[in-house]
Amino acid sequence: MRLFLIVIFIFYNTSIFAEVDTDQWQDSNLTYKDLIDQGFEVKAYDINTITTDVGLILVFFVTVLQKEKEVYECQEYQTFDGNMKTLDMSVVCRELTQPYKRGVNT
């Protein structure tokens, strides 16, 4: 019985390691506006805020948009000072794809 449990434990543990260079979100050049103009609808939205010790406010927005079986996730990162003046902002939208192995510059 112990041998059986050990064998099951070994097989179970080796199957739980994820592939470290596999991704399922591929960067896109599309913007929020492009996606909405193409008929995508917002299906989910989340926002997180972090305030740093030096008074900066970091805001992270994640929006999921879908049209039929096509899904995009857009991530927006903003940095504000204490007066809510935008210091930095970036937006990237990624398309849901079949998992693929990431390579250099992908």
Protein backbone atom coordinates (compact mmCIF):
# COMPACT_ATOMS: atom_id res chain seq x y z
CA MET A 1 0.00 0.00 0.00
CA ARG A 2 2.83 2.43 0.81
CA LEU A 3 4.52 1.76 -2.51
CA PHE A 4 1.23 2.48 -4.30
CA LEU A 5 0.85 5.80 -2.46
CA ILE A 6 4.45 6.78 -3.20
CA VAL A 7 4.01 6.03 -6.92
CA ILE A 8 0.75 8.04 -7.03
CA PHE A 9 2.45 10.91 -5.17
CA ILE A 10 5.40 10.98 -7.60
CA PHE A 11 3.18 10.96 -10.69
CA TYR A 12 0.86 13.58 -9.21
CA ASN A 13 3.72 15.93 -8.32
CA THR A 14 5.42 15.70 -11.70
CA SER A 15 2.20 16.56 -13.50
CA ILE A 16 1.55 19.79 -11.60
CA PHE A 17 4.58 21.73 -12.81
CA ALA A 18 3.51 24.40 -15.28
CA GLU A 19 5.39 25.20 -18.43
CA VAL A 20 7.24 28.42 -17.56
CA ASP A 21 7.49 29.82 -21.07
CA THR A 22 3.92 29.16 -22.23
CA ASP A 23 1.44 32.00 -22.61
CA GLN A 24 -2.14 32.31 -23.80
CA TRP A 25 -2.33 36.10 -24.18
CA GLN A 26 -0.74 37.62 -27.27
CA ASP A 27 -0.02 41.37 -27.48
CA SER A 28 -2.17 43.33 -29.91
CA ASN A 29 -1.90 46.78 -31.49
CA LEU A 30 -5.64 47.33 -30.97
CA THR A 31 -6.93 49.94 -28.51
CA TYR A 32 -10.08 50.05 -26.39
CA LYS A 33 -11.70 52.20 -29.09
CA ASP A 34 -10.69 49.81 -31.88
CA LEU A 35 -12.24 46.89 -30.01
CA ILE A 36 -15.47 48.75 -29.20
CA ASP A 37 -15.73 49.95 -32.82
CA GLN A 38 -15.37 46.31 -33.93
CA GLY A 39 -18.32 45.27 -31.75
CA PHE A 40 -16.56 44.00 -28.64
CA GLU A 41 -18.42 44.42 -25.35
CA VAL A 42 -16.97 44.89 -21.87
CA LYS A 43 -17.55 41.67 -19.92
CA ALA A 44 -15.47 42.35 -16.79
CA TYR A 45 -13.60 45.23 -15.19
CA ASP A 46 -11.30 45.45 -12.19
CA ILE A 47 -9.25 48.22 -10.61
CA ASN A 48 -6.51 48.07 -7.99
CA THR A 49 -4.79 51.00 -6.30
CA ILE A 50 -1.48 51.09 -4.45
CA THR A 51 -0.22 54.13 -2.56
CA THR A 52 3.54 54.24 -2.08
CA ASP A 53 5.48 55.60 0.90
CA VAL A 54 6.57 58.61 -1.18
CA GLY A 55 2.99 59.59 -2.04
CA LEU A 56 2.68 58.13 -5.52
CA ILE A 57 -0.58 56.43 -6.43
CA LEU A 58 -0.38 53.44 -8.79
CA VAL A 59 -3.66 52.45 -10.44
CA PHE A 60 -4.10 49.24 -12.42
CA PHE A 61 -7.19 48.75 -14.60
CA VAL A 62 -8.01 45.41 -16.25
CA THR A 63 -10.87 45.18 -18.73
CA VAL A 64 -12.04 42.02 -20.49
CA LEU A 65 -13.83 42.52 -23.81
CA GLN A 66 -15.58 39.85 -25.86
CA LYS A 67 -17.25 39.45 -29.25
CA GLU A 68 -18.60 35.96 -29.87
CA LYS A 69 -15.57 33.67 -29.26
CA GLU A 70 -12.91 36.39 -29.45
CA VAL A 71 -11.63 37.69 -26.09
CA TYR A 72 -9.24 40.54 -25.30
CA GLU A 73 -7.82 41.68 -21.98
CA CYS A 74 -6.72 45.31 -21.79
CA GLN A 75 -4.42 46.44 -18.98
CA GLU A 76 -3.93 50.10 -18.15
CA TYR A 77 -1.28 51.30 -15.72
CA GLN A 78 -1.29 54.86 -14.37
CA THR A 79 0.98 56.63 -11.89
CA PHE A 80 -0.32 59.76 -10.16
CA ASP A 81 1.33 62.20 -7.81
CA GLY A 82 -0.38 63.34 -4.58
CA ASN A 83 -2.39 65.95 -6.53
CA MET A 84 -3.71 63.28 -8.94
CA LYS A 85 -1.55 64.59 -11.80
CA THR A 86 -0.74 61.75 -14.22
CA LEU A 87 3.00 61.07 -14.24
CA ASP A 88 2.98 57.93 -16.39
CA MET A 89 0.43 55.85 -18.25
CA SER A 90 0.49 52.79 -20.48
CA VAL A 91 -2.16 50.59 -22.05
CA VAL A 92 -1.80 47.18 -23.66
CA CYS A 93 -4.52 44.94 -25.08
CA ARG A 94 -3.87 41.22 -25.48
CA GLU A 95 -5.84 38.61 -27.41
CA LEU A 96 -6.69 35.23 -25.89
CA THR A 97 -5.03 32.53 -28.01
CA GLN A 98 -4.19 28.87 -27.81
CA PRO A 99 -1.26 28.46 -25.43
CA TYR A 100 2.05 28.99 -27.20
CA LYS A 101 5.71 29.00 -26.25
CA ARG A 102 7.09 32.47 -25.81
CA GLY A 103 10.29 33.26 -27.59
CA VAL A 104 12.60 36.21 -27.71
CA ASN A 105 10.68 39.46 -28.39
CA THR A 106 7.23 37.84 -28.49
